[in-house]
Full PDB file with SEQRES, HELIX, SHEET, SSBOND, CRYST1, ORIGX, SCALE, CONECT and MASTER records, all heavy atoms in Angstrom:
SEQRES   1 A   39  TYR ALA ASP SER VAL ARG GLY ARG PHE THR ILE SER ARG          
SEQRES   2 A   39  ASP ASN ALA LYS ASN THR VAL TYR LEU GLN MET ASN SER          
SEQRES   3 A   39  LEU LYS SER GLU ASP THR ALA VAL TYR TYR CYS ASN ALA          
HELIX    1 AA1 SER A   29  ASP A   31  5                                   3    
SHEET    1 AA1 2 PHE A   9  ASP A  14  0                                        
SHEET    2 AA1 2 THR A  19  MET A  24 -1                                        
CRYST1    1.000    1.000    1.000  90.00  90.00  90.00 P 1           1          
ORIGX1      1.000000  0.000000  0.000000        0.00000                         
ORIGX2      0.000000  1.000000  0.000000        0.00000                         
ORIGX3      0.000000  0.000000  1.000000        0.00000                         
SCALE1      1.000000  0.000000  0.000000        0.00000                         
SCALE2      0.000000  1.000000  0.000000        0.00000                         
SCALE3      0.000000  0.000000  1.000000        0.00000                         
ATOM      1  N   TYR A   1      13.304  -8.941  -5.356  1.00  0.00           N  
ATOM      2  CA  TYR A   1      13.253  -9.030  -3.899  1.00  0.00           C  
ATOM      3  C   TYR A   1      14.058 -10.217  -3.399  1.00  0.00           C  
ATOM      4  O   TYR A   1      14.137 -11.259  -4.051  1.00  0.00           O  
ATOM      5  CB  TYR A   1      11.813  -9.210  -3.415  1.00  0.00           C  
ATOM      6  CG  TYR A   1      10.901  -8.041  -3.682  1.00  0.00           C  
ATOM      7  CD1 TYR A   1      10.076  -8.019  -4.804  1.00  0.00           C  
ATOM      8  CD2 TYR A   1      10.852  -6.958  -2.810  1.00  0.00           C  
ATOM      9  CE1 TYR A   1       9.239  -6.953  -5.052  1.00  0.00           C  
ATOM     10  CE2 TYR A   1      10.016  -5.888  -3.047  1.00  0.00           C  
ATOM     11  CZ  TYR A   1       9.202  -5.886  -4.166  1.00  0.00           C  
ATOM     12  OH  TYR A   1       8.377  -4.820  -4.402  1.00  0.00           O  
ATOM     13  N   ALA A   2      14.616 -10.067  -2.210  1.00  0.00           N  
ATOM     14  CA  ALA A   2      15.179 -11.209  -1.516  1.00  0.00           C  
ATOM     15  C   ALA A   2      14.047 -12.138  -1.112  1.00  0.00           C  
ATOM     16  O   ALA A   2      12.939 -11.683  -0.790  1.00  0.00           O  
ATOM     17  CB  ALA A   2      15.955 -10.758  -0.288  1.00  0.00           C  
ATOM     18  N   ASP A   3      14.327 -13.427  -1.092  1.00  0.00           N  
ATOM     19  CA  ASP A   3      13.292 -14.403  -0.742  1.00  0.00           C  
ATOM     20  C   ASP A   3      12.735 -14.133   0.657  1.00  0.00           C  
ATOM     21  O   ASP A   3      11.542 -14.342   0.912  1.00  0.00           O  
ATOM     22  CB  ASP A   3      13.866 -15.818  -0.799  1.00  0.00           C  
ATOM     23  CG  ASP A   3      14.133 -16.292  -2.223  1.00  0.00           C  
ATOM     24  OD1 ASP A   3      13.580 -15.674  -3.161  1.00  0.00           O  
ATOM     25  OD2 ASP A   3      14.895 -17.262  -2.391  1.00  0.00           O  
ATOM     26  N   SER A   4      13.581 -13.656   1.541  1.00  0.00           N  
ATOM     27  CA  SER A   4      13.179 -13.469   2.937  1.00  0.00           C  
ATOM     28  C   SER A   4      12.174 -12.345   3.131  1.00  0.00           C  
ATOM     29  O   SER A   4      11.516 -12.279   4.178  1.00  0.00           O  
ATOM     30  CB  SER A   4      14.412 -13.208   3.802  1.00  0.00           C  
ATOM     31  OG  SER A   4      15.095 -12.049   3.352  1.00  0.00           O  
ATOM     32  N   VAL A   5      12.036 -11.457   2.153  1.00  0.00           N  
ATOM     33  CA  VAL A   5      11.128 -10.323   2.312  1.00  0.00           C  
ATOM     34  C   VAL A   5      10.001 -10.319   1.286  1.00  0.00           C  
ATOM     35  O   VAL A   5       9.066  -9.505   1.393  1.00  0.00           O  
ATOM     36  CB  VAL A   5      11.884  -8.980   2.233  1.00  0.00           C  
ATOM     37  CG1 VAL A   5      13.034  -8.956   3.221  1.00  0.00           C  
ATOM     38  CG2 VAL A   5      12.366  -8.687   0.821  1.00  0.00           C  
ATOM     39  N   ARG A   6      10.081 -11.197   0.304  1.00  0.00           N  
ATOM     40  CA  ARG A   6       9.063 -11.202  -0.746  1.00  0.00           C  
ATOM     41  C   ARG A   6       7.690 -11.446  -0.135  1.00  0.00           C  
ATOM     42  O   ARG A   6       7.502 -12.347   0.685  1.00  0.00           O  
ATOM     43  CB  ARG A   6       9.378 -12.265  -1.792  1.00  0.00           C  
ATOM     44  CG  ARG A   6       8.478 -12.195  -3.025  1.00  0.00           C  
ATOM     45  CD  ARG A   6       8.919 -13.181  -4.102  1.00  0.00           C  
ATOM     46  NE  ARG A   6      10.181 -12.765  -4.722  1.00  0.00           N  
ATOM     47  CZ  ARG A   6      11.330 -13.423  -4.572  1.00  0.00           C  
ATOM     48  NH1 ARG A   6      11.369 -14.509  -3.823  1.00  0.00           N  
ATOM     49  NH2 ARG A   6      12.423 -12.992  -5.168  1.00  0.00           N  
ATOM     50  N   GLY A   7       6.736 -10.620  -0.538  1.00  0.00           N  
ATOM     51  CA  GLY A   7       5.375 -10.726  -0.004  1.00  0.00           C  
ATOM     52  C   GLY A   7       5.143  -9.848   1.209  1.00  0.00           C  
ATOM     53  O   GLY A   7       3.985  -9.622   1.591  1.00  0.00           O  
ATOM     54  N   ARG A   8       6.211  -9.365   1.828  1.00  0.00           N  
ATOM     55  CA  ARG A   8       6.084  -8.487   2.998  1.00  0.00           C  
ATOM     56  C   ARG A   8       6.553  -7.066   2.693  1.00  0.00           C  
ATOM     57  O   ARG A   8       6.010  -6.103   3.241  1.00  0.00           O  
ATOM     58  CB  ARG A   8       6.889  -9.046   4.171  1.00  0.00           C  
ATOM     59  CG  ARG A   8       6.457 -10.422   4.623  1.00  0.00           C  
ATOM     60  CD  ARG A   8       7.184 -10.836   5.903  1.00  0.00           C  
ATOM     61  NE  ARG A   8       8.618 -10.949   5.725  1.00  0.00           N  
ATOM     62  CZ  ARG A   8       9.513 -10.249   6.430  1.00  0.00           C  
ATOM     63  NH1 ARG A   8       9.109  -9.380   7.356  1.00  0.00           N  
ATOM     64  NH2 ARG A   8      10.809 -10.418   6.219  1.00  0.00           N  
ATOM     65  N   PHE A   9       7.578  -6.939   1.867  1.00  0.00           N  
ATOM     66  CA  PHE A   9       8.153  -5.637   1.541  1.00  0.00           C  
ATOM     67  C   PHE A   9       7.784  -5.263   0.101  1.00  0.00           C  
ATOM     68  O   PHE A   9       7.677  -6.131  -0.766  1.00  0.00           O  
ATOM     69  CB  PHE A   9       9.679  -5.668   1.646  1.00  0.00           C  
ATOM     70  CG  PHE A   9      10.217  -5.812   3.041  1.00  0.00           C  
ATOM     71  CD1 PHE A   9       9.403  -6.111   4.131  1.00  0.00           C  
ATOM     72  CD2 PHE A   9      11.576  -5.647   3.267  1.00  0.00           C  
ATOM     73  CE1 PHE A   9       9.910  -6.252   5.408  1.00  0.00           C  
ATOM     74  CE2 PHE A   9      12.107  -5.781   4.535  1.00  0.00           C  
ATOM     75  CZ  PHE A   9      11.270  -6.089   5.595  1.00  0.00           C  
ATOM     76  N   THR A  10       7.640  -3.971  -0.133  1.00  0.00           N  
ATOM     77  CA  THR A  10       7.369  -3.458  -1.471  1.00  0.00           C  
ATOM     78  C   THR A  10       8.278  -2.278  -1.760  1.00  0.00           C  
ATOM     79  O   THR A  10       8.314  -1.320  -0.981  1.00  0.00           O  
ATOM     80  CB  THR A  10       5.906  -3.023  -1.613  1.00  0.00           C  
ATOM     81  OG1 THR A  10       5.036  -4.127  -1.334  1.00  0.00           O  
ATOM     82  CG2 THR A  10       5.638  -2.535  -3.037  1.00  0.00           C  
ATOM     83  N   ILE A  11       9.001  -2.367  -2.864  1.00  0.00           N  
ATOM     84  CA  ILE A  11       9.860  -1.261  -3.282  1.00  0.00           C  
ATOM     85  C   ILE A  11       9.154  -0.476  -4.379  1.00  0.00           C  
ATOM     86  O   ILE A  11       8.474  -1.065  -5.235  1.00  0.00           O  
ATOM     87  CB  ILE A  11      11.242  -1.757  -3.752  1.00  0.00           C  
ATOM     88  CG1 ILE A  11      12.199  -0.584  -3.958  1.00  0.00           C  
ATOM     89  CG2 ILE A  11      11.133  -2.618  -5.009  1.00  0.00           C  
ATOM     90  CD1 ILE A  11      13.640  -0.999  -4.181  1.00  0.00           C  
ATOM     91  N   SER A  12       9.294   0.833  -4.339  1.00  0.00           N  
ATOM     92  CA  SER A  12       8.713   1.680  -5.370  1.00  0.00           C  
ATOM     93  C   SER A  12       9.610   2.896  -5.541  1.00  0.00           C  
ATOM     94  O   SER A  12      10.482   3.149  -4.716  1.00  0.00           O  
ATOM     95  CB  SER A  12       7.288   2.101  -4.987  1.00  0.00           C  
ATOM     96  OG  SER A  12       7.288   2.838  -3.776  1.00  0.00           O  
ATOM     97  N   ARG A  13       9.399   3.607  -6.630  1.00  0.00           N  
ATOM     98  CA  ARG A  13      10.197   4.807  -6.850  1.00  0.00           C  
ATOM     99  C   ARG A  13       9.370   5.860  -7.549  1.00  0.00           C  
ATOM    100  O   ARG A  13       8.446   5.536  -8.313  1.00  0.00           O  
ATOM    101  CB  ARG A  13      11.473   4.499  -7.644  1.00  0.00           C  
ATOM    102  CG  ARG A  13      11.278   4.042  -9.066  1.00  0.00           C  
ATOM    103  CD  ARG A  13      12.595   3.553  -9.667  1.00  0.00           C  
ATOM    104  NE  ARG A  13      13.485   4.641 -10.040  1.00  0.00           N  
ATOM    105  CZ  ARG A  13      14.728   4.445 -10.497  1.00  0.00           C  
ATOM    106  NH1 ARG A  13      15.229   3.218 -10.581  1.00  0.00           N  
ATOM    107  NH2 ARG A  13      15.479   5.485 -10.842  1.00  0.00           N  
ATOM    108  N   ASP A  14       9.722   7.094  -7.275  1.00  0.00           N  
ATOM    109  CA  ASP A  14       9.112   8.244  -7.930  1.00  0.00           C  
ATOM    110  C   ASP A  14      10.226   8.909  -8.721  1.00  0.00           C  
ATOM    111  O   ASP A  14      11.068   9.610  -8.149  1.00  0.00           O  
ATOM    112  CB  ASP A  14       8.518   9.197  -6.879  1.00  0.00           C  
ATOM    113  CG  ASP A  14       7.766  10.350  -7.497  1.00  0.00           C  
ATOM    114  OD1 ASP A  14       8.109  10.757  -8.624  1.00  0.00           O  
ATOM    115  OD2 ASP A  14       6.855  10.866  -6.848  1.00  0.00           O  
ATOM    116  N   ASN A  15      10.246   8.667 -10.013  1.00  0.00           N  
ATOM    117  CA  ASN A  15      11.344   9.187 -10.830  1.00  0.00           C  
ATOM    118  C   ASN A  15      11.350  10.716 -10.874  1.00  0.00           C  
ATOM    119  O   ASN A  15      12.404  11.335 -10.983  1.00  0.00           O  
ATOM    120  CB  ASN A  15      11.265   8.615 -12.245  1.00  0.00           C  
ATOM    121  CG  ASN A  15      11.596   7.135 -12.288  1.00  0.00           C  
ATOM    122  OD1 ASN A  15      12.382   6.643 -11.474  1.00  0.00           O  
ATOM    123  ND2 ASN A  15      11.003   6.410 -13.223  1.00  0.00           N  
ATOM    124  N   ALA A  16      10.186  11.311 -10.778  1.00  0.00           N  
ATOM    125  CA  ALA A  16      10.108  12.779 -10.802  1.00  0.00           C  
ATOM    126  C   ALA A  16      10.771  13.385  -9.564  1.00  0.00           C  
ATOM    127  O   ALA A  16      11.312  14.490  -9.620  1.00  0.00           O  
ATOM    128  CB  ALA A  16       8.657  13.227 -10.900  1.00  0.00           C  
ATOM    129  N   LYS A  17      10.719  12.650  -8.466  1.00  0.00           N  
ATOM    130  CA  LYS A  17      11.307  13.122  -7.216  1.00  0.00           C  
ATOM    131  C   LYS A  17      12.663  12.487  -6.924  1.00  0.00           C  
ATOM    132  O   LYS A  17      13.265  12.764  -5.889  1.00  0.00           O  
ATOM    133  CB  LYS A  17      10.361  12.844  -6.051  1.00  0.00           C  
ATOM    134  CG  LYS A  17       9.045  13.590  -6.123  1.00  0.00           C  
ATOM    135  CD  LYS A  17       8.171  13.282  -4.905  1.00  0.00           C  
ATOM    136  CE  LYS A  17       6.870  14.054  -4.950  1.00  0.00           C  
ATOM    137  NZ  LYS A  17       6.006  13.762  -3.776  1.00  0.00           N  
ATOM    138  N   ASN A  18      13.107  11.597  -7.807  1.00  0.00           N  
ATOM    139  CA  ASN A  18      14.368  10.877  -7.582  1.00  0.00           C  
ATOM    140  C   ASN A  18      14.398  10.230  -6.212  1.00  0.00           C  
ATOM    141  O   ASN A  18      15.395  10.320  -5.475  1.00  0.00           O  
ATOM    142  CB  ASN A  18      15.570  11.810  -7.754  1.00  0.00           C  
ATOM    143  CG  ASN A  18      15.727  12.272  -9.182  1.00  0.00           C  
ATOM    144  OD1 ASN A  18      15.560  11.494 -10.118  1.00  0.00           O  
ATOM    145  ND2 ASN A  18      16.028  13.540  -9.358  1.00  0.00           N  
ATOM    146  N   THR A  19      13.306   9.590  -5.874  1.00  0.00           N  
ATOM    147  CA  THR A  19      13.147   8.997  -4.548  1.00  0.00           C  
ATOM    148  C   THR A  19      12.712   7.541  -4.679  1.00  0.00           C  
ATOM    149  O   THR A  19      11.872   7.219  -5.521  1.00  0.00           O  
ATOM    150  CB  THR A  19      12.116   9.787  -3.723  1.00  0.00           C  
ATOM    151  OG1 THR A  19      12.572  11.133  -3.585  1.00  0.00           O  
ATOM    152  CG2 THR A  19      11.939   9.174  -2.339  1.00  0.00           C  
ATOM    153  N   VAL A  20      13.299   6.707  -3.841  1.00  0.00           N  
ATOM    154  CA  VAL A  20      12.904   5.309  -3.781  1.00  0.00           C  
ATOM    155  C   VAL A  20      12.374   5.031  -2.380  1.00  0.00           C  
ATOM    156  O   VAL A  20      12.850   5.608  -1.402  1.00  0.00           O  
ATOM    157  CB  VAL A  20      14.082   4.376  -4.138  1.00  0.00           C  
ATOM    158  CG1 VAL A  20      15.214   4.491  -3.125  1.00  0.00           C  
ATOM    159  CG2 VAL A  20      13.624   2.934  -4.262  1.00  0.00           C  
ATOM    160  N   TYR A  21      11.374   4.175  -2.310  1.00  0.00           N  
ATOM    161  CA  TYR A  21      10.717   3.850  -1.053  1.00  0.00           C  
ATOM    162  C   TYR A  21      10.785   2.349  -0.798  1.00  0.00           C  
ATOM    163  O   TYR A  21      10.863   1.549  -1.726  1.00  0.00           O  
ATOM    164  CB  TYR A  21       9.244   4.268  -1.094  1.00  0.00           C  
ATOM    165  CG  TYR A  21       9.026   5.711  -1.459  1.00  0.00           C  
ATOM    166  CD1 TYR A  21       8.757   6.077  -2.785  1.00  0.00           C  
ATOM    167  CD2 TYR A  21       9.076   6.719  -0.497  1.00  0.00           C  
ATOM    168  CE1 TYR A  21       8.562   7.394  -3.139  1.00  0.00           C  
ATOM    169  CE2 TYR A  21       8.868   8.039  -0.837  1.00  0.00           C  
ATOM    170  CZ  TYR A  21       8.611   8.373  -2.150  1.00  0.00           C  
ATOM    171  OH  TYR A  21       8.412   9.688  -2.494  1.00  0.00           O  
ATOM    172  N   LEU A  22      10.727   1.996   0.477  1.00  0.00           N  
ATOM    173  CA  LEU A  22      10.606   0.597   0.853  1.00  0.00           C  
ATOM    174  C   LEU A  22       9.529   0.493   1.925  1.00  0.00           C  
ATOM    175  O   LEU A  22       9.730   0.932   3.057  1.00  0.00           O  
ATOM    176  CB  LEU A  22      11.926   0.035   1.381  1.00  0.00           C  
ATOM    177  CG  LEU A  22      11.924  -1.472   1.673  1.00  0.00           C  
ATOM    178  CD1 LEU A  22      11.794  -2.263   0.374  1.00  0.00           C  
ATOM    179  CD2 LEU A  22      13.191  -1.888   2.423  1.00  0.00           C  
ATOM    180  N   GLN A  23       8.389  -0.048   1.541  1.00  0.00           N  
ATOM    181  CA  GLN A  23       7.301  -0.299   2.490  1.00  0.00           C  
ATOM    182  C   GLN A  23       7.524  -1.665   3.100  1.00  0.00           C  
ATOM    183  O   GLN A  23       7.565  -2.666   2.381  1.00  0.00           O  
ATOM    184  CB  GLN A  23       5.954  -0.242   1.779  1.00  0.00           C  
ATOM    185  CG  GLN A  23       4.767  -0.524   2.682  1.00  0.00           C  
ATOM    186  CD  GLN A  23       4.561   0.530   3.751  1.00  0.00           C  
ATOM    187  OE1 GLN A  23       4.655   1.717   3.477  1.00  0.00           O  
ATOM    188  NE2 GLN A  23       4.300   0.086   4.983  1.00  0.00           N  
ATOM    189  N   MET A  24       7.669  -1.696   4.408  1.00  0.00           N  
ATOM    190  CA  MET A  24       7.955  -2.943   5.112  1.00  0.00           C  
ATOM    191  C   MET A  24       6.794  -3.278   6.028  1.00  0.00           C  
ATOM    192  O   MET A  24       6.498  -2.530   6.967  1.00  0.00           O  
ATOM    193  CB  MET A  24       9.251  -2.797   5.928  1.00  0.00           C  
ATOM    194  CG  MET A  24      10.438  -2.373   5.093  1.00  0.00           C  
ATOM    195  SD  MET A  24      11.989  -2.349   6.015  1.00  0.00           S  
ATOM    196  CE  MET A  24      11.662  -1.027   7.161  1.00  0.00           C  
ATOM    197  N   ASN A  25       6.133  -4.383   5.744  1.00  0.00           N  
ATOM    198  CA  ASN A  25       4.998  -4.842   6.537  1.00  0.00           C  
ATOM    199  C   ASN A  25       5.334  -6.179   7.208  1.00  0.00           C  
ATOM    200  O   ASN A  25       6.278  -6.858   6.815  1.00  0.00           O  
ATOM    201  CB  ASN A  25       3.761  -5.001   5.649  1.00  0.00           C  
ATOM    202  CG  ASN A  25       3.317  -3.711   5.016  1.00  0.00           C  
ATOM    203  OD1 ASN A  25       3.479  -2.626   5.581  1.00  0.00           O  
ATOM    204  ND2 ASN A  25       2.748  -3.810   3.823  1.00  0.00           N  
ATOM    205  N   SER A  26       4.554  -6.522   8.190  1.00  0.00           N  
ATOM    206  CA  SER A  26       4.728  -7.805   8.901  1.00  0.00           C  
ATOM    207  C   SER A  26       6.180  -8.002   9.319  1.00  0.00           C  
ATOM    208  O   SER A  26       6.781  -9.062   9.097  1.00  0.00           O  
ATOM    209  CB  SER A  26       4.279  -8.972   8.010  1.00  0.00           C  
ATOM    210  OG  SER A  26       2.926  -8.823   7.621  1.00  0.00           O  
ATOM    211  N   LEU A  27       6.733  -6.980   9.919  1.00  0.00           N  
ATOM    212  CA  LEU A  27       8.150  -7.020  10.280  1.00  0.00           C  
ATOM    213  C   LEU A  27       8.426  -8.083  11.324  1.00  0.00           C  
ATOM    214  O   LEU A  27       7.607  -8.350  12.209  1.00  0.00           O  
ATOM    215  CB  LEU A  27       8.595  -5.650  10.777  1.00  0.00           C  
ATOM    216  CG  LEU A  27       8.833  -4.629   9.659  1.00  0.00           C  
ATOM    217  CD1 LEU A  27       8.786  -3.210  10.200  1.00  0.00           C  
ATOM    218  CD2 LEU A  27      10.155  -4.904   8.967  1.00  0.00           C  
ATOM    219  N   LYS A  28       9.605  -8.685  11.182  1.00  0.00           N  
ATOM    220  CA  LYS A  28      10.064  -9.727  12.080  1.00  0.00           C  
ATOM    221  C   LYS A  28      11.354  -9.276  12.764  1.00  0.00           C  
ATOM    222  O   LYS A  28      12.052  -8.393  12.268  1.00  0.00           O  
ATOM    223  CB  LYS A  28      10.328 -11.014  11.296  1.00  0.00           C  
ATOM    224  CG  LYS A  28       9.161 -11.510  10.471  1.00  0.00           C  
ATOM    225  CD  LYS A  28       9.562 -12.725   9.641  1.00  0.00           C  
ATOM    226  CE  LYS A  28       8.409 -13.222   8.784  1.00  0.00           C  
ATOM    227  NZ  LYS A  28       8.812 -14.401   7.969  1.00  0.00           N  
ATOM    228  N   SER A  29      11.686  -9.925  13.870  1.00  0.00           N  
ATOM    229  CA  SER A  29      12.906  -9.554  14.583  1.00  0.00           C  
ATOM    230  C   SER A  29      14.135  -9.724  13.691  1.00  0.00           C  
ATOM    231  O   SER A  29      15.097  -8.961  13.805  1.00  0.00           O  
ATOM    232  CB  SER A  29      13.050 -10.391  15.856  1.00  0.00           C  
ATOM    233  OG  SER A  29      13.041 -11.779  15.552  1.00  0.00           O  
ATOM    234  N   GLU A  30      14.079 -10.697  12.789  1.00  0.00           N  
ATOM    235  CA  GLU A  30      15.231 -10.915  11.899  1.00  0.00           C  
ATOM    236  C   GLU A  30      15.381  -9.839  10.827  1.00  0.00           C  
ATOM    237  O   GLU A  30      16.348  -9.850  10.072  1.00  0.00           O  
ATOM    238  CB  GLU A  30      15.167 -12.302  11.241  1.00  0.00           C  
ATOM    239  CG  GLU A  30      13.844 -12.625  10.589  1.00  0.00           C  
ATOM    240  CD  GLU A  30      12.946 -13.452  11.483  1.00  0.00           C  
ATOM    241  OE1 GLU A  30      12.829 -13.137  12.693  1.00  0.00           O  
ATOM    242  OE2 GLU A  30      12.336 -14.428  10.970  1.00  0.00           O  
ATOM    243  N   ASP A  31      14.428  -8.928  10.743  1.00  0.00           N  
ATOM    244  CA  ASP A  31      14.569  -7.786   9.833  1.00  0.00           C  
ATOM    245  C   ASP A  31      15.395  -6.665  10.464  1.00  0.00           C  
ATOM    246  O   ASP A  31      15.708  -5.674   9.783  1.00  0.00           O  
ATOM    247  CB  ASP A  31      13.195  -7.236   9.447  1.00  0.00           C  
ATOM    248  CG  ASP A  31      12.375  -8.222   8.642  1.00  0.00           C  
ATOM    249  OD1 ASP A  31      12.934  -8.881   7.746  1.00  0.00           O  
ATOM    250  OD2 ASP A  31      11.157  -8.336   8.919  1.00  0.00           O  
ATOM    251  N   THR A  32      15.745  -6.801  11.737  1.00  0.00           N  
ATOM    252  CA  THR A  32      16.543  -5.789  12.413  1.00  0.00           C  
ATOM    253  C   THR A  32      17.912  -5.662  11.750  1.00  0.00           C  
ATOM    254  O   THR A  32      18.628  -6.650  11.581  1.00  0.00           O  
ATOM    255  CB  THR A  32      16.723  -6.156  13.899  1.00  0.00           C  
ATOM    256  OG1 THR A  32      15.461  -6.103  14.543  1.00  0.00           O  
ATOM    257  CG2 THR A  32      17.684  -5.190  14.578  1.00  0.00           C  
ATOM    258  N   ALA A  33      18.238  -4.452  11.333  1.00  0.00           N  
ATOM    259  CA  ALA A  33      19.492  -4.197  10.620  1.00  0.00           C  
ATOM    260  C   ALA A  33      19.606  -2.706  10.325  1.00  0.00           C  
ATOM    261  O   ALA A  33      18.643  -1.951  10.520  1.00  0.00           O  
ATOM    262  CB  ALA A  33      19.535  -4.981   9.302  1.00  0.00           C  
ATOM    263  N   VAL A  34      20.771  -2.324   9.834  1.00  0.00           N  
ATOM    264  CA  VAL A  34      20.917  -1.000   9.234  1.00  0.00           C  
ATOM    265  C   VAL A  34      20.578  -1.149   7.748  1.00  0.00           C  
ATOM    266  O   VAL A  34      21.131  -2.018   7.062  1.00  0.00           O  
ATOM    267  CB  VAL A  34      22.342  -0.448   9.402  1.00  0.00           C  
ATOM    268  CG1 VAL A  34      22.464   0.907   8.717  1.00  0.00           C  
ATOM    269  CG2 VAL A  34      22.686  -0.332  10.881  1.00  0.00           C  
ATOM    270  N   TYR A  35      19.677  -0.327   7.285  1.00  0.00           N  
ATOM    271  CA  TYR A  35      19.227  -0.381   5.895  1.00  0.00           C  
ATOM    272  C   TYR A  35      19.911   0.733   5.106  1.00  0.00           C  
ATOM    273  O   TYR A  35      19.892   1.903   5.517  1.00  0.00           O  
ATOM    274  CB  TYR A  35      17.714  -0.243   5.831  1.00  0.00           C  
ATOM    275  CG  TYR A  35      16.998  -1.516   6.216  1.00  0.00           C  
ATOM    276  CD1 TYR A  35      17.009  -1.961   7.538  1.00  0.00           C  
ATOM    277  CD2 TYR A  35      16.338  -2.301   5.274  1.00  0.00           C  
ATOM    278  CE1 TYR A  35      16.396  -3.141   7.909  1.00  0.00           C  
ATOM    279  CE2 TYR A  35      15.706  -3.482   5.637  1.00  0.00           C  
ATOM    280  CZ  TYR A  35      15.745  -3.902   6.947  1.00  0.00           C  
ATOM    281  OH  TYR A  35      15.122  -5.069   7.310  1.00  0.00           O  
ATOM    282  N   TYR A  36      20.481   0.355   3.974  1.00  0.00           N  
ATOM    283  CA  TYR A  36      21.220   1.291   3.133  1.00  0.00           C  
ATOM    284  C   TYR A  36      20.550   1.419   1.771  1.00  0.00           C  
ATOM    285  O   TYR A  36      20.186   0.417   1.151  1.00  0.00           O  
ATOM    286  CB  TYR A  36      22.652   0.805   2.916  1.00  0.00           C  
ATOM    287  CG  TYR A  36      23.495   0.744   4.161  1.00  0.00           C  
ATOM    288  CD1 TYR A  36      23.550  -0.410   4.923  1.00  0.00           C  
ATOM    289  CD2 TYR A  36      24.231   1.845   4.572  1.00  0.00           C  
ATOM    290  CE1 TYR A  36      24.328  -0.481   6.063  1.00  0.00           C  
ATOM    291  CE2 TYR A  36      25.018   1.793   5.715  1.00  0.00           C  
ATOM    292  CZ  TYR A  36      25.055   0.625   6.450  1.00  0.00           C  
ATOM    293  OH  TYR A  36      25.822   0.567   7.589  1.00  0.00           O  
ATOM    294  N   CYS A  37      20.452   2.638   1.328  1.00  0.00           N  
ATOM    295  CA  CYS A  37      19.973   2.913  -0.023  1.00  0.00           C  
ATOM    296  C   CYS A  37      21.157   2.848  -0.979  1.00  0.00           C  
ATOM    297  O   CYS A  37      22.264   3.260  -0.641  1.00  0.00           O  
ATOM    298  CB  CYS A  37      19.336   4.291  -0.049  1.00  0.00           C  
ATOM    299  SG  CYS A  37      18.740   4.827  -1.663  1.00  0.00           S  
ATOM    300  N   ASN A  38      20.899   2.327  -2.162  1.00  0.00           N  
ATOM    301  CA  ASN A  38      21.929   2.231  -3.190  1.00  0.00           C  
ATOM    302  C   ASN A  38      21.371   2.730  -4.500  1.00  0.00           C  
ATOM    303  O   ASN A  38      20.209   2.476  -4.822  1.00  0.00           O  
ATOM    304  CB  ASN A  38      22.395   0.779  -3.339  1.00  0.00           C  
ATOM    305  CG  ASN A  38      23.393   0.597  -4.458  1.00  0.00           C  
ATOM    306  OD1 ASN A  38      23.016   0.299  -5.588  1.00  0.00           O  
ATOM    307  ND2 ASN A  38      24.657   0.770  -4.149  1.00  0.00           N  
ATOM    308  N   ALA A  39      22.187   3.435  -5.252  1.00  0.00           N  
ATOM    309  CA  ALA A  39      21.767   3.912  -6.565  1.00  0.00           C  
ATOM    310  C   ALA A  39      22.916   3.738  -7.548  1.00  0.00           C  
ATOM    311  O   ALA A  39      24.081   3.890  -7.186  1.00  0.00           O  
ATOM    312  CB  ALA A  39      21.354   5.383  -6.498  1.00  0.00           C  
TER     313      ALA A  39                                                      
MASTER        0    0    0    1    2    0    0    6  312    1    0    3          
END                                                                             
């Protein structure tokens, strides 16, 4: 995790579904951005 999101965001993946998730909690205005998935 990036230091700025550690403790607030959680990444997980379901290999059977080939899907990755990002749970974002306690969002701040500085989290505003375009989010891109990378594989």
